[in-house]
Each structure stands twice: as C-alpha cells, then as structure tokens.
Amino acid sequence: MIDLRLLRDDPDAIRASQAARGESPEAVDALLRADAARREAVQRFETLRAEQKQLSKRLPKAPPEEKPTLAAQAKELSNRVKQAEAAVAEAERALREAHLAVPNLVEEGAPTGGEDDYVVLREVGERPDIPNPRDHLELGELLGAIDTDRGAKVSGSRFYYLTGVG
C-alpha cells in the first residue's frame, strides 16, 4: 500500500508511477481527497468528543438550576458525537477503497506499460529444447499435487488445493 505521508508530501511521484503503469492518475487524486476527508472527519469527531468530556465534567458540579440545561446540551452533543463517529467510519471505508485502487510504486528504471511491455534484462544458461513444454498447473494436476476443481468450487476461479505430494 502507498504510504499516506509519501502521498501527501510527493503526490506527483505517485502520479508518475500510475502513468508508467498505463493507468489513470485520477486514482491518486481520489486517494488524496479521501485522505483529506478522513482527516477532517477525525478532527471533527475528536473536537466534539473533547467538548463532550468537558461538559460531562461540568455537569455534576453545576448548580441545580443549570443541570437540566446542561443535560439537554449533553444529550444533543452526544447525538452529534455519534454522527461524527459514523462519519469517521464512512470516511475510513472510503479511504480504504481509494487506497486499494492505487497500486504500489513502480521501481525506478522499470519499463512503462503493463505485463505485455516487459523487457528481458538477461538470460542465464541455455534454454532446454523441450518439444512440448507444460506449465506448472498442468504438471501439478498430472502429479496429483494440485486440485483446481475443488478449489474453484470452494473459493472461486484461480484457487486450488494442494494434495498428495503437493
């Protein structure tokens, strides 16, 4: 996940990373807005909560004629604190959603684009001449080490169970 301090300090670096991936930098702006909204909601909640604590300390020491007024204020303030707490929870949910939409930073020097735009840096050794190579999934199923059918039934596609020698 992107460090929110880095996001606040240098959003252009994260936008450049998004552009290098071939993705929209709008996700970075959405994350910045969500972070600001969450910080504002937390500050509002903490201010109201501090006010509520001060009022609850004053209530027992107040003269009897002021207690009904203070109790009404405390009840109204309690409702505002609950609303602010709900706003914080919603802001945190929105921040998490926006945070998950921004992938990690692209390593310096990595080629731009997606998976199809890779660059081979070097090859070590010689490639064996195998007439009909098989991928790991096919080999795992042949050896009885991977069970994709049961994994897909339980968790959905792209999941598997390791069985036997697996």
C-alpha atoms as a PDB file:
ATOM      1  CA  MET A   1       0.000   0.000   0.000  1.00  0.00           C
ATOM      2  CA  ILE A   2       1.057   3.551  -0.630  1.00  0.00           C
ATOM      3  CA  ASP A   3       2.408   5.390   2.423  1.00  0.00           C
ATOM      4  CA  LEU A   4      -0.025   8.245   3.018  1.00  0.00           C
ATOM      5  CA  ARG A   5       2.785  10.541   4.183  1.00  0.00           C
ATOM      6  CA  LEU A   6       4.539  10.000   0.850  1.00  0.00           C
ATOM      7  CA  LEU A   7       1.235  10.675  -0.900  1.00  0.00           C
ATOM      8  CA  ARG A   8       0.824  13.979   0.939  1.00  0.00           C
ATOM      9  CA  ASP A   9       4.470  15.004   0.507  1.00  0.00           C
ATOM     10  CA  ASP A  10       5.001  13.954  -3.127  1.00  0.00           C
ATOM     11  CA  PRO A  11       1.781  13.120  -4.975  1.00  0.00           C
ATOM     12  CA  ASP A  12       3.486  13.789  -8.325  1.00  0.00           C
ATOM     13  CA  ALA A  13       5.786  10.782  -7.820  1.00  0.00           C
ATOM     14  CA  ILE A  14       2.764   8.550  -7.332  1.00  0.00           C
ATOM     15  CA  ARG A  15       1.005  10.090 -10.338  1.00  0.00           C
ATOM     16  CA  ALA A  16       4.134   9.395 -12.420  1.00  0.00           C
ATOM     17  CA  SER A  17       4.089   5.792 -11.211  1.00  0.00           C
ATOM     18  CA  GLN A  18       0.457   5.468 -12.277  1.00  0.00           C
ATOM     19  CA  ALA A  19       1.299   6.895 -15.693  1.00  0.00           C
ATOM     20  CA  ALA A  20       4.221   4.454 -16.016  1.00  0.00           C
ATOM     21  CA  ARG A  21       1.776   1.600 -15.427  1.00  0.00           C
ATOM     22  CA  GLY A  22      -0.506   2.983 -18.102  1.00  0.00           C
ATOM     23  CA  GLU A  23      -3.209   3.726 -15.531  1.00  0.00           C
ATOM     24  CA  SER A  24      -5.088   6.918 -14.783  1.00  0.00           C
ATOM     25  CA  PRO A  25      -3.536   9.305 -12.250  1.00  0.00           C
ATOM     26  CA  GLU A  26      -7.100  10.212 -11.196  1.00  0.00           C
ATOM     27  CA  ALA A  27      -6.913   7.393  -8.617  1.00  0.00           C
ATOM     28  CA  VAL A  28      -4.139   9.338  -6.852  1.00  0.00           C
ATOM     29  CA  ASP A  29      -6.323  12.454  -6.705  1.00  0.00           C
ATOM     30  CA  ALA A  30      -9.230  10.383  -5.373  1.00  0.00           C
ATOM     31  CA  LEU A  31      -6.933   8.952  -2.687  1.00  0.00           C
ATOM     32  CA  LEU A  32      -5.772  12.456  -1.728  1.00  0.00           C
ATOM     33  CA  ARG A  33      -9.391  13.613  -1.403  1.00  0.00           C
ATOM     34  CA  ALA A  34     -10.332  10.553   0.655  1.00  0.00           C
ATOM     35  CA  ASP A  35      -7.336  11.082   2.950  1.00  0.00           C
ATOM     36  CA  ALA A  36      -8.234  14.746   3.477  1.00  0.00           C
ATOM     37  CA  ALA A  37     -11.881  13.868   4.149  1.00  0.00           C
ATOM     38  CA  ARG A  38     -10.901  11.219   6.703  1.00  0.00           C
ATOM     39  CA  ARG A  39      -8.502  13.549   8.487  1.00  0.00           C
ATOM     40  CA  GLU A  40     -11.175  16.245   8.640  1.00  0.00           C
ATOM     41  CA  ALA A  41     -13.794  13.789   9.943  1.00  0.00           C
ATOM     42  CA  VAL A  42     -11.423  12.508  12.640  1.00  0.00           C
ATOM     43  CA  GLN A  43     -10.576  16.044  13.720  1.00  0.00           C
ATOM     44  CA  ARG A  44     -14.271  16.982  13.910  1.00  0.00           C
ATOM     45  CA  PHE A  45     -15.025  13.835  15.939  1.00  0.00           C
ATOM     46  CA  GLU A  46     -12.139  14.436  18.359  1.00  0.00           C
ATOM     47  CA  THR A  47     -13.168  18.074  18.868  1.00  0.00           C
ATOM     48  CA  LEU A  48     -16.756  17.085  19.640  1.00  0.00           C
ATOM     49  CA  ARG A  49     -15.603  14.256  21.910  1.00  0.00           C
ATOM     50  CA  ALA A  50     -13.360  16.649  23.897  1.00  0.00           C
ATOM     51  CA  GLU A  51     -16.265  19.089  24.204  1.00  0.00           C
ATOM     52  CA  GLN A  52     -18.497  16.249  25.410  1.00  0.00           C
ATOM     53  CA  LYS A  53     -15.965  15.229  28.074  1.00  0.00           C
ATOM     54  CA  GLN A  54     -15.676  18.798  29.353  1.00  0.00           C
ATOM     55  CA  LEU A  55     -19.442  19.101  29.555  1.00  0.00           C
ATOM     56  CA  SER A  56     -19.761  15.811  31.427  1.00  0.00           C
ATOM     57  CA  LYS A  57     -17.185  17.033  33.976  1.00  0.00           C
ATOM     58  CA  ARG A  58     -19.111  20.298  34.483  1.00  0.00           C
ATOM     59  CA  LEU A  59     -22.488  18.586  34.905  1.00  0.00           C
ATOM     60  CA  PRO A  60     -22.015  17.153  38.442  1.00  0.00           C
ATOM     61  CA  LYS A  61     -20.549  20.445  39.755  1.00  0.00           C
ATOM     62  CA  ALA A  62     -23.210  22.659  38.178  1.00  0.00           C
ATOM     63  CA  PRO A  63     -25.860  24.397  40.324  1.00  0.00           C
ATOM     64  CA  PRO A  64     -29.211  22.565  40.356  1.00  0.00           C
ATOM     65  CA  GLU A  65     -30.941  25.228  38.221  1.00  0.00           C
ATOM     66  CA  GLU A  66     -28.376  24.775  35.382  1.00  0.00           C
ATOM     67  CA  LYS A  67     -28.390  20.961  35.368  1.00  0.00           C
ATOM     68  CA  PRO A  68     -31.454  20.480  33.090  1.00  0.00           C
ATOM     69  CA  THR A  69     -29.970  22.844  30.505  1.00  0.00           C
ATOM     70  CA  LEU A  70     -26.572  21.167  30.685  1.00  0.00           C
ATOM     71  CA  ALA A  71     -28.171  17.710  30.487  1.00  0.00           C
ATOM     72  CA  ALA A  72     -30.039  18.744  27.334  1.00  0.00           C
ATOM     73  CA  GLN A  73     -26.820  20.109  25.870  1.00  0.00           C
ATOM     74  CA  ALA A  74     -25.048  16.852  26.778  1.00  0.00           C
ATOM     75  CA  LYS A  75     -27.724  14.788  25.063  1.00  0.00           C
ATOM     76  CA  GLU A  76     -27.589  16.933  21.908  1.00  0.00           C
ATOM     77  CA  LEU A  77     -23.804  16.799  21.935  1.00  0.00           C
ATOM     78  CA  SER A  78     -23.921  13.031  22.366  1.00  0.00           C
ATOM     79  CA  ASN A  79     -26.019  12.753  19.182  1.00  0.00           C
ATOM     80  CA  ARG A  80     -23.530  14.946  17.304  1.00  0.00           C
ATOM     81  CA  VAL A  81     -20.640  12.783  18.556  1.00  0.00           C
ATOM     82  CA  LYS A  82     -22.411   9.640  17.310  1.00  0.00           C
ATOM     83  CA  GLN A  83     -22.971  11.255  13.912  1.00  0.00           C
ATOM     84  CA  ALA A  84     -19.329  12.329  13.762  1.00  0.00           C
ATOM     85  CA  GLU A  85     -18.213   8.816  14.688  1.00  0.00           C
ATOM     86  CA  ALA A  86     -20.342   7.386  11.884  1.00  0.00           C
ATOM     87  CA  ALA A  87     -18.824   9.946   9.508  1.00  0.00           C
ATOM     88  CA  VAL A  88     -15.325   8.809  10.553  1.00  0.00           C
ATOM     89  CA  ALA A  89     -16.239   5.180   9.878  1.00  0.00           C
ATOM     90  CA  GLU A  90     -17.591   6.090   6.435  1.00  0.00           C
ATOM     91  CA  ALA A  91     -14.525   8.224   5.667  1.00  0.00           C
ATOM     92  CA  GLU A  92     -12.225   5.360   6.684  1.00  0.00           C
ATOM     93  CA  ARG A  93     -14.149   2.969   4.438  1.00  0.00           C
ATOM     94  CA  ALA A  94     -13.856   5.389   1.517  1.00  0.00           C
ATOM     95  CA  LEU A  95     -10.144   5.885   2.226  1.00  0.00           C
ATOM     96  CA  ARG A  96      -9.517   2.134   2.258  1.00  0.00           C
ATOM     97  CA  GLU A  97     -11.368   1.738  -1.029  1.00  0.00           C
ATOM     98  CA  ALA A  98      -9.387   4.572  -2.630  1.00  0.00           C
ATOM     99  CA  HIS A  99      -6.155   3.255  -1.110  1.00  0.00           C
ATOM    100  CA  LEU A 100      -6.665  -0.180  -2.638  1.00  0.00           C
ATOM    101  CA  ALA A 101      -7.232   1.396  -6.062  1.00  0.00           C
ATOM    102  CA  VAL A 102      -3.662   2.748  -6.197  1.00  0.00           C
ATOM    103  CA  PRO A 103      -1.025   0.058  -6.786  1.00  0.00           C
ATOM    104  CA  ASN A 104       2.498   0.139  -5.367  1.00  0.00           C
ATOM    105  CA  LEU A 105       5.069   2.455  -6.849  1.00  0.00           C
ATOM    106  CA  VAL A 106       6.850   1.361  -9.990  1.00  0.00           C
ATOM    107  CA  GLU A 107      10.533   0.673  -9.392  1.00  0.00           C
ATOM    108  CA  GLU A 108      12.882   3.281 -10.811  1.00  0.00           C
ATOM    109  CA  GLY A 109      14.066   2.198 -14.260  1.00  0.00           C
ATOM    110  CA  ALA A 110      11.209  -0.232 -14.870  1.00  0.00           C
ATOM    111  CA  PRO A 111       9.791  -0.050 -18.405  1.00  0.00           C
ATOM    112  CA  THR A 112       6.469   1.730 -18.800  1.00  0.00           C
ATOM    113  CA  GLY A 113       3.325  -0.179 -19.649  1.00  0.00           C
ATOM    114  CA  GLY A 114       1.699  -3.358 -18.469  1.00  0.00           C
ATOM    115  CA  GLU A 115       2.654  -7.029 -18.370  1.00  0.00           C
ATOM    116  CA  ASP A 116       2.993  -7.253 -22.141  1.00  0.00           C
ATOM    117  CA  ASP A 117       5.611  -4.475 -22.215  1.00  0.00           C
ATOM    118  CA  TYR A 118       8.284  -6.326 -20.246  1.00  0.00           C
ATOM    119  CA  VAL A 119      11.968  -6.164 -21.132  1.00  0.00           C
ATOM    120  CA  VAL A 120      14.299  -9.150 -20.733  1.00  0.00           C
ATOM    121  CA  LEU A 121      17.360  -7.908 -18.857  1.00  0.00           C
ATOM    122  CA  ARG A 122      19.418 -11.081 -19.195  1.00  0.00           C
ATOM    123  CA  GLU A 123      19.097 -14.816 -19.624  1.00  0.00           C
ATOM    124  CA  VAL A 124      21.162 -17.184 -17.528  1.00  0.00           C
ATOM    125  CA  GLY A 125      22.137 -20.514 -19.045  1.00  0.00           C
ATOM    126  CA  GLU A 126      20.731 -22.017 -22.181  1.00  0.00           C
ATOM    127  CA  ARG A 127      17.103 -22.850 -22.731  1.00  0.00           C
ATOM    128  CA  PRO A 128      16.482 -26.578 -22.925  1.00  0.00           C
ATOM    129  CA  ASP A 129      14.928 -27.801 -26.131  1.00  0.00           C
ATOM    130  CA  ILE A 130      11.668 -29.311 -24.862  1.00  0.00           C
ATOM    131  CA  PRO A 131       9.314 -30.191 -27.714  1.00  0.00           C
ATOM    132  CA  ASN A 132       6.066 -29.821 -25.748  1.00  0.00           C
ATOM    133  CA  PRO A 133       6.658 -27.817 -22.531  1.00  0.00           C
ATOM    134  CA  ARG A 134       3.966 -27.831 -19.847  1.00  0.00           C
ATOM    135  CA  ASP A 135       3.155 -25.113 -17.354  1.00  0.00           C
ATOM    136  CA  HIS A 136       3.177 -25.616 -13.588  1.00  0.00           C
ATOM    137  CA  LEU A 137      -0.587 -26.090 -13.390  1.00  0.00           C
ATOM    138  CA  GLU A 138      -0.650 -28.893 -15.926  1.00  0.00           C
ATOM    139  CA  LEU A 139       2.325 -30.596 -14.262  1.00  0.00           C
ATOM    140  CA  GLY A 140       0.736 -30.241 -10.805  1.00  0.00           C
ATOM    141  CA  GLU A 141      -2.513 -31.817 -11.988  1.00  0.00           C
ATOM    142  CA  LEU A 142      -0.655 -34.685 -13.706  1.00  0.00           C
ATOM    143  CA  LEU A 143       1.273 -35.393 -10.490  1.00  0.00           C
ATOM    144  CA  GLY A 144      -1.885 -35.175  -8.356  1.00  0.00           C
ATOM    145  CA  ALA A 145      -0.401 -32.260  -6.434  1.00  0.00           C
ATOM    146  CA  ILE A 146      -2.969 -29.588  -7.392  1.00  0.00           C
ATOM    147  CA  ASP A 147      -6.758 -29.833  -7.398  1.00  0.00           C
ATOM    148  CA  THR A 148      -8.217 -26.789  -9.160  1.00  0.00           C
ATOM    149  CA  ASP A 149     -11.765 -28.159  -9.436  1.00  0.00           C
ATOM    150  CA  ARG A 150     -12.302 -28.377  -5.671  1.00  0.00           C
ATOM    151  CA  GLY A 151     -10.518 -25.070  -5.105  1.00  0.00           C
ATOM    152  CA  ALA A 152     -12.777 -23.335  -7.630  1.00  0.00           C
ATOM    153  CA  LYS A 153     -15.873 -24.863  -6.006  1.00  0.00           C
ATOM    154  CA  VAL A 154     -14.918 -23.566  -2.576  1.00  0.00           C
ATOM    155  CA  SER A 155     -13.283 -20.204  -3.313  1.00  0.00           C
ATOM    156  CA  GLY A 156     -13.922 -19.377  -6.962  1.00  0.00           C
ATOM    157  CA  SER A 157     -11.727 -19.312 -10.018  1.00  0.00           C
ATOM    158  CA  ARG A 158      -7.919 -19.145  -9.718  1.00  0.00           C
ATOM    159  CA  PHE A 159      -7.899 -21.033  -6.391  1.00  0.00           C
ATOM    160  CA  TYR A 160      -6.658 -24.548  -5.816  1.00  0.00           C
ATOM    161  CA  TYR A 161      -5.886 -27.162  -3.188  1.00  0.00           C
ATOM    162  CA  LEU A 162      -2.509 -28.753  -2.782  1.00  0.00           C
ATOM    163  CA  THR A 163      -2.954 -32.507  -2.494  1.00  0.00           C
ATOM    164  CA  GLY A 164      -0.760 -35.594  -2.269  1.00  0.00           C
ATOM    165  CA  VAL A 165       2.879 -34.691  -2.967  1.00  0.00           C
ATOM    166  CA  GLY A 166       1.888 -31.042  -3.229  1.00  0.00           C
END
